[in-house]
C-alpha atoms as a PDB file:
ATOM      1  CA  MET A   1     125.231 118.683  72.773  1.00  0.00           C
ATOM      2  CA  ARG A   2     126.075 118.709  69.106  1.00  0.00           C
ATOM      3  CA  SER A   3     123.354 121.259  68.329  1.00  0.00           C
ATOM      4  CA  ALA A   4     124.678 123.573  71.081  1.00  0.00           C
ATOM      5  CA  ALA A   5     128.201 123.215  69.714  1.00  0.00           C
ATOM      6  CA  PHE A   6     126.988 124.039  66.231  1.00  0.00           C
ATOM      7  CA  ARG A   7     125.185 127.115  67.481  1.00  0.00           C
ATOM      8  CA  LYS A   8     128.389 128.274  69.305  1.00  0.00           C
ATOM      9  CA  GLU A   9     130.382 127.787  66.133  1.00  0.00           C
ATOM     10  CA  GLY A  10     127.791 129.576  64.097  1.00  0.00           C
ATOM     11  CA  SER A  11     127.815 132.565  66.470  1.00  0.00           C
ATOM     12  CA  PHE A  12     131.594 132.651  66.525  1.00  0.00           C
ATOM     13  CA  ALA A  13     131.670 132.559  62.683  1.00  0.00           C
ATOM     14  CA  ALA A  14     129.072 135.351  62.546  1.00  0.00           C
ATOM     15  CA  LEU A  15     131.180 137.402  64.973  1.00  0.00           C
ATOM     16  CA  LEU A  16     134.267 136.933  62.731  1.00  0.00           C
ATOM     17  CA  VAL A  17     132.351 137.870  59.622  1.00  0.00           C
ATOM     18  CA  ALA A  18     130.462 140.857  61.052  1.00  0.00           C
ATOM     19  CA  PRO A  19     133.296 143.498  60.880  1.00  0.00           C
ATOM     20  CA  SER A  20     134.065 142.783  57.244  1.00  0.00           C
ATOM     21  CA  LEU A  21     130.327 142.655  56.394  1.00  0.00           C
ATOM     22  CA  VAL A  22     129.784 146.081  58.076  1.00  0.00           C
ATOM     23  CA  VAL A  23     132.719 147.568  56.070  1.00  0.00           C
ATOM     24  CA  LEU A  24     131.376 146.008  52.849  1.00  0.00           C
ATOM     25  CA  VAL A  25     127.921 147.485  53.471  1.00  0.00           C
ATOM     26  CA  LEU A  26     129.318 150.890  54.247  1.00  0.00           C
ATOM     27  CA  THR A  27     131.667 151.023  51.272  1.00  0.00           C
ATOM     28  CA  THR A  28     129.553 149.419  48.594  1.00  0.00           C
ATOM     29  CA  THR A  29     125.887 148.839  49.457  1.00  0.00           C
ATOM     30  CA  PHE A  30     125.251 152.301  51.078  1.00  0.00           C
ATOM     31  CA  PRO A  31     126.897 154.252  48.281  1.00  0.00           C
ATOM     32  CA  LEU A  32     125.032 152.205  45.721  1.00  0.00           C
ATOM     33  CA  VAL A  33     121.662 152.841  47.344  1.00  0.00           C
ATOM     34  CA  TYR A  34     122.527 156.576  47.632  1.00  0.00           C
ATOM     35  CA  LEU A  35     123.447 156.646  43.945  1.00  0.00           C
ATOM     36  CA  PHE A  36     120.065 155.288  42.955  1.00  0.00           C
ATOM     37  CA  TRP A  37     118.365 157.719  45.288  1.00  0.00           C
ATOM     38  CA  SER A  38     120.339 160.686  43.819  1.00  0.00           C
ATOM     39  CA  SER A  39     119.440 159.669  40.263  1.00  0.00           C
ATOM     40  CA  PHE A  40     115.746 160.500  41.002  1.00  0.00           C
ATOM     41  CA  GLN A  41     116.624 163.924  42.492  1.00  0.00           C
ATOM     42  CA  ASN A  42     117.471 167.337  41.143  1.00  0.00           C
ATOM     43  CA  ILE A  43     120.783 168.015  42.792  1.00  0.00           C
ATOM     44  CA  ASN A  44     122.657 170.834  41.163  1.00  0.00           C
ATOM     45  CA  LEU A  45     125.080 172.968  43.199  1.00  0.00           C
ATOM     46  CA  ALA A  46     125.057 175.667  40.535  1.00  0.00           C
ATOM     47  CA  MET A  47     121.288 176.062  40.920  1.00  0.00           C
ATOM     48  CA  PRO A  48     120.404 174.816  44.429  1.00  0.00           C
ATOM     49  CA  PHE A  49     116.929 176.517  44.281  1.00  0.00           C
ATOM     50  CA  LEU A  50     115.818 173.869  41.831  1.00  0.00           C
ATOM     51  CA  ASP A  51     116.768 170.965  44.052  1.00  0.00           C
ATOM     52  CA  GLY A  52     113.984 168.430  44.860  1.00  0.00           C
ATOM     53  CA  PHE A  53     112.505 165.221  43.707  1.00  0.00           C
ATOM     54  CA  ALA A  54     112.749 164.701  39.967  1.00  0.00           C
ATOM     55  CA  GLY A  55     111.225 161.300  39.387  1.00  0.00           C
ATOM     56  CA  LEU A  56     112.226 159.948  36.014  1.00  0.00           C
ATOM     57  CA  ASP A  57     113.146 163.385  34.619  1.00  0.00           C
ATOM     58  CA  ASN A  58     116.848 162.629  34.667  1.00  0.00           C
ATOM     59  CA  TYR A  59     116.304 159.429  32.663  1.00  0.00           C
ATOM     60  CA  ARG A  60     113.944 161.148  30.232  1.00  0.00           C
ATOM     61  CA  ARG A  61     116.685 163.770  29.720  1.00  0.00           C
ATOM     62  CA  MET A  62     119.181 161.063  29.098  1.00  0.00           C
ATOM     63  CA  ILE A  63     117.176 159.744  26.103  1.00  0.00           C
ATOM     64  CA  GLY A  64     117.372 163.063  24.382  1.00  0.00           C
ATOM     65  CA  ASP A  65     120.920 163.889  25.358  1.00  0.00           C
ATOM     66  CA  GLY A  66     123.293 163.779  22.348  1.00  0.00           C
ATOM     67  CA  GLY A  67     126.323 163.801  24.681  1.00  0.00           C
ATOM     68  CA  PHE A  68     125.060 160.674  26.359  1.00  0.00           C
ATOM     69  CA  TRP A  69     124.635 158.787  23.130  1.00  0.00           C
ATOM     70  CA  HIS A  70     128.079 160.058  21.908  1.00  0.00           C
ATOM     71  CA  SER A  71     129.658 158.706  25.070  1.00  0.00           C
ATOM     72  CA  ILE A  72     127.814 155.388  24.725  1.00  0.00           C
ATOM     73  CA  GLY A  73     129.193 155.040  21.091  1.00  0.00           C
ATOM     74  CA  LEU A  74     132.741 155.861  22.284  1.00  0.00           C
ATOM     75  CA  THR A  75     132.367 153.379  25.175  1.00  0.00           C
ATOM     76  CA  ALA A  76     131.284 150.601  22.694  1.00  0.00           C
ATOM     77  CA  ILE A  77     134.284 151.394  20.411  1.00  0.00           C
ATOM     78  CA  TYR A  78     136.689 151.603  23.297  1.00  0.00           C
ATOM     79  CA  THR A  79     135.546 148.420  24.897  1.00  0.00           C
ATOM     80  CA  LEU A  80     135.351 146.302  21.766  1.00  0.00           C
ATOM     81  CA  ALA A  81     138.726 147.484  20.478  1.00  0.00           C
ATOM     82  CA  THR A  82     140.614 146.986  23.680  1.00  0.00           C
ATOM     83  CA  VAL A  83     139.117 143.575  24.490  1.00  0.00           C
ATOM     84  CA  VAL A  84     139.746 142.215  20.905  1.00  0.00           C
ATOM     85  CA  LEU A  85     143.326 143.570  20.929  1.00  0.00           C
ATOM     86  CA  GLN A  86     144.058 142.267  24.405  1.00  0.00           C
ATOM     87  CA  VAL A  87     142.829 138.766  23.646  1.00  0.00           C
ATOM     88  CA  ALA A  88     144.400 138.633  20.206  1.00  0.00           C
ATOM     89  CA  VAL A  89     147.837 139.966  21.316  1.00  0.00           C
ATOM     90  CA  GLY A  90     147.754 138.053  24.596  1.00  0.00           C
ATOM     91  CA  LEU A  91     147.021 134.796  22.870  1.00  0.00           C
ATOM     92  CA  GLY A  92     149.625 135.359  20.232  1.00  0.00           C
ATOM     93  CA  LEU A  93     152.228 136.123  22.915  1.00  0.00           C
ATOM     94  CA  ALA A  94     151.229 133.131  24.946  1.00  0.00           C
ATOM     95  CA  LEU A  95     151.564 130.775  21.909  1.00  0.00           C
ATOM     96  CA  LEU A  96     154.968 132.275  21.198  1.00  0.00           C
ATOM     97  CA  VAL A  97     156.306 132.072  24.798  1.00  0.00           C
ATOM     98  CA  LEU A  98     155.061 128.509  25.026  1.00  0.00           C
ATOM     99  CA  ARG A  99     157.571 127.515  22.439  1.00  0.00           C
ATOM    100  CA  ILE A 100     160.375 128.793  24.638  1.00  0.00           C
ATOM    101  CA  PRO A 101     160.625 126.352  27.463  1.00  0.00           C
ATOM    102  CA  ALA A 102     163.617 128.008  29.161  1.00  0.00           C
ATOM    103  CA  GLY A 103     163.137 131.399  30.711  1.00  0.00           C
ATOM    104  CA  GLN A 104     159.392 131.526  30.751  1.00  0.00           C
ATOM    105  CA  TRP A 105     159.622 132.803  34.361  1.00  0.00           C
ATOM    106  CA  MET A 106     161.262 136.010  33.027  1.00  0.00           C
ATOM    107  CA  PHE A 107     158.400 136.639  30.612  1.00  0.00           C
ATOM    108  CA  ARG A 108     155.903 136.198  33.483  1.00  0.00           C
ATOM    109  CA  ILE A 109     157.702 138.695  35.699  1.00  0.00           C
ATOM    110  CA  VAL A 110     157.924 141.246  32.930  1.00  0.00           C
ATOM    111  CA  ALA A 111     154.215 140.734  32.166  1.00  0.00           C
ATOM    112  CA  ILE A 112     153.266 141.622  35.677  1.00  0.00           C
ATOM    113  CA  LEU A 113     154.860 145.039  35.698  1.00  0.00           C
ATOM    114  CA  PRO A 114     152.318 146.955  33.620  1.00  0.00           C
ATOM    115  CA  ILE A 115     149.417 145.370  35.609  1.00  0.00           C
ATOM    116  CA  VAL A 116     150.720 146.565  38.976  1.00  0.00           C
ATOM    117  CA  LEU A 117     151.146 150.186  37.811  1.00  0.00           C
ATOM    118  CA  ALA A 118     148.392 152.561  38.719  1.00  0.00           C
ATOM    119  CA  PRO A 119     146.278 153.536  35.638  1.00  0.00           C
ATOM    120  CA  VAL A 120     146.848 157.214  36.321  1.00  0.00           C
ATOM    121  CA  VAL A 121     150.632 156.593  36.237  1.00  0.00           C
ATOM    122  CA  VAL A 122     150.304 154.706  32.960  1.00  0.00           C
ATOM    123  CA  GLY A 123     148.187 157.597  31.499  1.00  0.00           C
ATOM    124  CA  LEU A 124     150.788 160.213  32.560  1.00  0.00           C
ATOM    125  CA  PHE A 125     153.653 158.046  31.254  1.00  0.00           C
ATOM    126  CA  PHE A 126     152.161 157.815  27.790  1.00  0.00           C
ATOM    127  CA  ARG A 127     151.116 161.471  27.824  1.00  0.00           C
ATOM    128  CA  THR A 128     154.547 162.810  28.745  1.00  0.00           C
ATOM    129  CA  LEU A 129     156.893 160.291  27.109  1.00  0.00           C
ATOM    130  CA  MET A 130     155.180 158.332  24.449  1.00  0.00           C
ATOM    131  CA  PHE A 131     152.617 160.649  22.841  1.00  0.00           C
ATOM    132  CA  ALA A 132     154.139 164.046  23.600  1.00  0.00           C
ATOM    133  CA  PRO A 133     154.275 166.153  20.422  1.00  0.00           C
ATOM    134  CA  ASN A 134     157.676 166.806  18.765  1.00  0.00           C
ATOM    135  CA  PHE A 135     159.762 164.829  21.352  1.00  0.00           C
ATOM    136  CA  GLY A 136     157.575 161.850  22.296  1.00  0.00           C
ATOM    137  CA  ILE A 137     159.026 158.377  21.537  1.00  0.00           C
ATOM    138  CA  LEU A 138     156.139 157.337  19.328  1.00  0.00           C
ATOM    139  CA  ASP A 139     156.283 160.677  17.475  1.00  0.00           C
ATOM    140  CA  PHE A 140     160.006 160.153  16.939  1.00  0.00           C
ATOM    141  CA  VAL A 141     159.332 156.687  15.471  1.00  0.00           C
ATOM    142  CA  VAL A 142     156.641 158.010  13.148  1.00  0.00           C
ATOM    143  CA  ARG A 143     158.972 160.777  11.928  1.00  0.00           C
ATOM    144  CA  TRP A 144     161.771 158.303  11.414  1.00  0.00           C
ATOM    145  CA  LEU A 145     159.439 156.221   9.171  1.00  0.00           C
ATOM    146  CA  GLY A 146     158.790 159.338   7.144  1.00  0.00           C
ATOM    147  CA  LEU A 147     155.072 159.568   7.966  1.00  0.00           C
ATOM    148  CA  GLY A 148     155.260 163.085   9.393  1.00  0.00           C
ATOM    149  CA  PRO A 149     154.196 164.303  12.842  1.00  0.00           C
ATOM    150  CA  VAL A 150     150.975 163.109  14.386  1.00  0.00           C
ATOM    151  CA  ASN A 151     149.087 165.039  17.071  1.00  0.00           C
ATOM    152  CA  TRP A 152     148.297 161.932  19.070  1.00  0.00           C
ATOM    153  CA  LEU A 153     146.440 163.516  21.960  1.00  0.00           C
ATOM    154  CA  GLY A 154     145.277 166.772  20.178  1.00  0.00           C
ATOM    155  CA  ALA A 155     143.187 165.388  17.328  1.00  0.00           C
ATOM    156  CA  PRO A 156     140.029 163.408  17.761  1.00  0.00           C
ATOM    157  CA  THR A 157     140.727 160.166  16.013  1.00  0.00           C
ATOM    158  CA  PRO A 158     144.487 159.865  17.103  1.00  0.00           C
ATOM    159  CA  ALA A 159     143.419 160.590  20.687  1.00  0.00           C
ATOM    160  CA  LEU A 160     140.946 157.764  20.631  1.00  0.00           C
ATOM    161  CA  VAL A 161     143.475 155.419  19.114  1.00  0.00           C
ATOM    162  CA  SER A 162     145.952 156.574  21.813  1.00  0.00           C
ATOM    163  CA  VAL A 163     143.756 155.714  24.813  1.00  0.00           C
ATOM    164  CA  ILE A 164     143.009 152.356  23.229  1.00  0.00           C
ATOM    165  CA  ILE A 165     146.738 151.748  22.939  1.00  0.00           C
ATOM    166  CA  ILE A 166     147.276 152.771  26.542  1.00  0.00           C
ATOM    167  CA  HIS A 167     144.575 150.434  27.905  1.00  0.00           C
ATOM    168  CA  THR A 168     145.763 147.560  25.672  1.00  0.00           C
ATOM    169  CA  TRP A 169     149.384 148.057  26.794  1.00  0.00           C
ATOM    170  CA  GLN A 170     148.556 147.849  30.417  1.00  0.00           C
ATOM    171  CA  TRP A 171     146.034 144.971  30.427  1.00  0.00           C
ATOM    172  CA  THR A 172     147.286 142.673  27.554  1.00  0.00           C
ATOM    173  CA  PRO A 173     149.692 140.990  30.095  1.00  0.00           C
ATOM    174  CA  PHE A 174     146.722 139.914  32.112  1.00  0.00           C
ATOM    175  CA  ALA A 175     145.350 138.035  29.097  1.00  0.00           C
ATOM    176  CA  PHE A 176     148.747 136.816  28.320  1.00  0.00           C
ATOM    177  CA  LEU A 177     149.314 135.247  31.812  1.00  0.00           C
ATOM    178  CA  VAL A 178     145.863 133.587  31.972  1.00  0.00           C
ATOM    179  CA  LEU A 179     146.103 132.128  28.456  1.00  0.00           C
ATOM    180  CA  LEU A 180     149.668 131.010  29.001  1.00  0.00           C
ATOM    181  CA  ALA A 181     148.709 129.149  32.065  1.00  0.00           C
ATOM    182  CA  SER A 182     145.762 127.529  30.112  1.00  0.00           C
ATOM    183  CA  LEU A 183     147.973 126.501  27.225  1.00  0.00           C
ATOM    184  CA  ALA A 184     150.602 125.063  29.507  1.00  0.00           C
ATOM    185  CA  ALA A 185     147.975 122.770  31.092  1.00  0.00           C
ATOM    186  CA  LEU A 186     146.765 121.290  27.755  1.00  0.00           C
ATOM    187  CA  PRO A 187     147.320 117.509  27.342  1.00  0.00           C
ATOM    188  CA  PRO A 188     150.153 116.816  24.814  1.00  0.00           C
ATOM    189  CA  ASP A 189     148.529 113.435  23.860  1.00  0.00           C
ATOM    190  CA  VAL A 190     145.818 115.116  21.924  1.00  0.00           C
ATOM    191  CA  TYR A 191     148.383 116.946  19.747  1.00  0.00           C
ATOM    192  CA  GLU A 192     150.374 113.837  19.197  1.00  0.00           C
ATOM    193  CA  ALA A 193     147.230 112.116  17.955  1.00  0.00           C
ATOM    194  CA  ALA A 194     146.461 115.044  15.686  1.00  0.00           C
ATOM    195  CA  ARG A 195     149.934 115.029  14.213  1.00  0.00           C
ATOM    196  CA  ILE A 196     149.604 111.258  13.518  1.00  0.00           C
ATOM    197  CA  ASP A 197     146.342 112.107  11.640  1.00  0.00           C
ATOM    198  CA  ARG A 198     148.371 114.640   9.643  1.00  0.00           C
ATOM    199  CA  ALA A 199     146.640 117.780  10.978  1.00  0.00           C
ATOM    200  CA  ASN A 200     148.603 120.888  10.222  1.00  0.00           C
ATOM    201  CA  ALA A 201     149.335 123.651  12.698  1.00  0.00           C
ATOM    202  CA  LEU A 202     146.265 125.747  11.774  1.00  0.00           C
ATOM    203  CA  GLN A 203     143.936 122.769  12.031  1.00  0.00           C
ATOM    204  CA  ARG A 204     145.433 121.821  15.492  1.00  0.00           C
ATOM    205  CA  PHE A 205     144.993 125.399  16.668  1.00  0.00           C
ATOM    206  CA  TRP A 206     141.424 125.746  15.430  1.00  0.00           C
ATOM    207  CA  HIS A 207     140.019 122.338  16.357  1.00  0.00           C
ATOM    208  CA  ILE A 208     142.039 121.529  19.479  1.00  0.00           C
ATOM    209  CA  THR A 209     143.633 124.578  21.093  1.00  0.00           C
ATOM    210  CA  LEU A 210     140.806 127.084  20.823  1.00  0.00           C
ATOM    211  CA  PRO A 211     138.051 124.644  22.152  1.00  0.00           C
ATOM    212  CA  LEU A 212     140.149 123.525  25.021  1.00  0.00           C
ATOM    213  CA  ILE A 213     141.143 127.048  26.179  1.00  0.00           C
ATOM    214  CA  ARG A 214     137.614 128.535  25.431  1.00  0.00           C
ATOM    215  CA  PRO A 215     136.613 128.679  29.159  1.00  0.00           C
ATOM    216  CA  ALA A 216     139.722 130.772  29.897  1.00  0.00           C
ATOM    217  CA  LEU A 217     139.136 132.961  26.831  1.00  0.00           C
ATOM    218  CA  VAL A 218     135.574 133.657  27.942  1.00  0.00           C
ATOM    219  CA  ILE A 219     136.693 134.560  31.444  1.00  0.00           C
ATOM    220  CA  VAL A 220     139.338 136.921  30.068  1.00  0.00           C
ATOM    221  CA  VAL A 221     136.785 138.591  27.722  1.00  0.00           C
ATOM    222  CA  ILE A 222     134.292 139.015  30.605  1.00  0.00           C
ATOM    223  CA  MET A 223     136.816 140.467  33.018  1.00  0.00           C
ATOM    224  CA  ARG A 224     138.437 142.782  30.433  1.00  0.00           C
ATOM    225  CA  ALA A 225     135.093 144.014  29.135  1.00  0.00           C
ATOM    226  CA  MET A 226     133.911 144.975  32.664  1.00  0.00           C
ATOM    227  CA  ILE A 227     137.146 146.842  33.389  1.00  0.00           C
ATOM    228  CA  ALA A 228     137.034 148.588  29.935  1.00  0.00           C
ATOM    229  CA  LEU A 229     133.412 149.777  30.443  1.00  0.00           C
ATOM    230  CA  SER A 230     134.368 151.469  33.730  1.00  0.00           C
ATOM    231  CA  ALA A 231     137.741 152.794  32.591  1.00  0.00           C
ATOM    232  CA  PHE A 232     138.566 156.240  33.896  1.00  0.00           C
ATOM    233  CA  ALA A 233     141.977 157.042  35.466  1.00  0.00           C
ATOM    234  CA  ALA A 234     144.190 156.335  32.447  1.00  0.00           C
ATOM    235  CA  ILE A 235     141.988 158.246  29.997  1.00  0.00           C
ATOM    236  CA  PHE A 236     141.598 161.156  32.385  1.00  0.00           C
ATOM    237  CA  ALA A 237     145.293 161.425  33.054  1.00  0.00           C
ATOM    238  CA  ALA A 238     146.154 161.142  29.312  1.00  0.00           C
ATOM    239  CA  THR A 239     143.464 163.274  27.624  1.00  0.00           C
ATOM    240  CA  GLY A 240     140.930 164.373  30.217  1.00  0.00           C
ATOM    241  CA  GLY A 241     138.251 163.092  27.811  1.00  0.00           C
ATOM    242  CA  GLY A 242     139.461 165.431  25.039  1.00  0.00           C
ATOM    243  CA  PRO A 243     140.128 166.953  22.696  1.00  0.00           C
ATOM    244  CA  GLY A 244     136.629 168.194  23.105  1.00  0.00           C
ATOM    245  CA  THR A 245     134.698 165.039  23.821  1.00  0.00           C
ATOM    246  CA  ALA A 246     136.661 162.761  21.528  1.00  0.00           C
ATOM    247  CA  THR A 247     137.710 160.291  24.295  1.00  0.00           C
ATOM    248  CA  GLU A 248     134.858 161.009  26.768  1.00  0.00           C
ATOM    249  CA  ILE A 249     133.467 157.594  27.373  1.00  0.00           C
ATOM    250  CA  LEU A 250     130.403 157.267  29.635  1.00  0.00           C
ATOM    251  CA  ASN A 251     132.320 157.070  32.864  1.00  0.00           C
ATOM    252  CA  LEU A 252     134.115 160.406  32.028  1.00  0.00           C
ATOM    253  CA  TYR A 253     130.814 161.991  30.889  1.00  0.00           C
ATOM    254  CA  ALA A 254     129.220 161.098  34.219  1.00  0.00           C
ATOM    255  CA  TYR A 255     132.223 162.536  36.058  1.00  0.00           C
ATOM    256  CA  ARG A 256     132.191 165.757  34.097  1.00  0.00           C
ATOM    257  CA  THR A 257     128.458 166.149  34.578  1.00  0.00           C
ATOM    258  CA  SER A 258     128.727 165.629  38.340  1.00  0.00           C
ATOM    259  CA  PHE A 259     131.976 167.459  39.258  1.00  0.00           C
ATOM    260  CA  VAL A 260     132.419 170.047  36.554  1.00  0.00           C
ATOM    261  CA  THR A 261     128.877 171.176  35.704  1.00  0.00           C
ATOM    262  CA  LEU A 262     127.924 170.208  39.301  1.00  0.00           C
ATOM    263  CA  ASP A 263     124.725 168.435  38.182  1.00  0.00           C
ATOM    264  CA  PHE A 264     124.888 165.602  40.636  1.00  0.00           C
ATOM    265  CA  GLY A 265     121.330 164.338  39.957  1.00  0.00           C
ATOM    266  CA  TYR A 266     121.895 163.808  36.276  1.00  0.00           C
ATOM    267  CA  GLY A 267     125.432 162.573  36.849  1.00  0.00           C
ATOM    268  CA  SER A 268     124.071 159.963  39.225  1.00  0.00           C
ATOM    269  CA  ALA A 269     121.565 158.877  36.521  1.00  0.00           C
ATOM    270  CA  LEU A 270     124.500 158.569  34.051  1.00  0.00           C
ATOM    271  CA  ALA A 271     126.453 156.419  36.584  1.00  0.00           C
ATOM    272  CA  VAL A 272     123.353 154.172  37.001  1.00  0.00           C
ATOM    273  CA  ALA A 273     123.163 153.847  33.201  1.00  0.00           C
ATOM    274  CA  LEU A 274     126.799 152.769  33.223  1.00  0.00           C
ATOM    275  CA  LEU A 275     126.120 150.220  35.963  1.00  0.00           C
ATOM    276  CA  VAL A 276     123.164 148.806  34.078  1.00  0.00           C
ATOM    277  CA  LEU A 277     125.178 148.645  30.869  1.00  0.00           C
ATOM    278  CA  THR A 278     127.986 146.757  32.608  1.00  0.00           C
ATOM    279  CA  MET A 279     125.581 144.321  34.148  1.00  0.00           C
ATOM    280  CA  ILE A 280     123.871 143.678  30.784  1.00  0.00           C
ATOM    281  CA  VAL A 281     127.094 143.097  28.980  1.00  0.00           C
ATOM    282  CA  SER A 282     128.550 140.857  31.713  1.00  0.00           C
ATOM    283  CA  GLY A 283     125.313 138.972  32.083  1.00  0.00           C
ATOM    284  CA  ALA A 284     125.092 138.311  28.348  1.00  0.00           C
ATOM    285  CA  LEU A 285     128.748 137.122  28.274  1.00  0.00           C
ATOM    286  CA  PHE A 286     128.104 134.825  31.319  1.00  0.00           C
ATOM    287  CA  TYR A 287     124.996 133.530  29.590  1.00  0.00           C
ATOM    288  CA  MET A 288     126.836 132.736  26.377  1.00  0.00           C
ATOM    289  CA  ARG A 289     129.490 130.922  28.424  1.00  0.00           C
ATOM    290  CA  THR A 290     126.983 128.749  30.369  1.00  0.00           C
ATOM    291  CA  ALA A 291     124.948 128.157  27.142  1.00  0.00           C
ATOM    292  CA  ARG A 292     128.008 126.910  25.253  1.00  0.00           C
ATOM    293  CA  THR A 293     129.217 124.666  28.073  1.00  0.00           C
ATOM    294  CA  SER A 294     125.853 123.134  28.827  1.00  0.00           C
END
């Protein structure tokens, strides 16, 4: 009787899960398999007479492609800079807000607003209002400080700094909220004992706060690194990868290869390379997390 009931419950559970599983396979697994298949093909709408099986030619081409290595370097700079800034600024804001017991709810609500905005909206906002030449808010501030005009989105280095600022502005509140919750949950007795032992504020932060919130810090770093590696919409809306290729990280390079030059085979190989890079980085970070906690 019990085994029959278990079988009925299992069948009913499988029936409930089946629709979402089918949708998941159709929207993730099938496109992923098709992406891998495309990366081994010559698929170029500009030269369809060359279409066919390419084997590893797309990946061999990638090794000698200067644009690919340029985009890899920009991706590394972009990811490292945005993650470090988000964690540092988010932790600093969390430590500051923690000292304001009244009204923390207001800071939490304000922090949510940039996160819920679509990245393309954020990119257009910064492009039209913050970084616009001559009448942008940031350009006005720079002129007021007497530093002269800066072509934020029209020069290579300022453009790269600009997209880093955009990504940091939108996603620092995520780090802030996670770290604020972690800091609020820390036991006060440990700090009281440290004060009795005459530990100063820096010693308490370094030897107590950081070790206790390290799991939250690692999770924030992992999640922000994975999002930064696959960033697209905000950069595309703000600079389109330009000027030239100054902000063309790997995701934008794969997009341009596929949908501008219409080389879908090589674009698929670039997308696979981005996927592998993301898995390597996230896997390394997860390994470091488990190695430190074990």
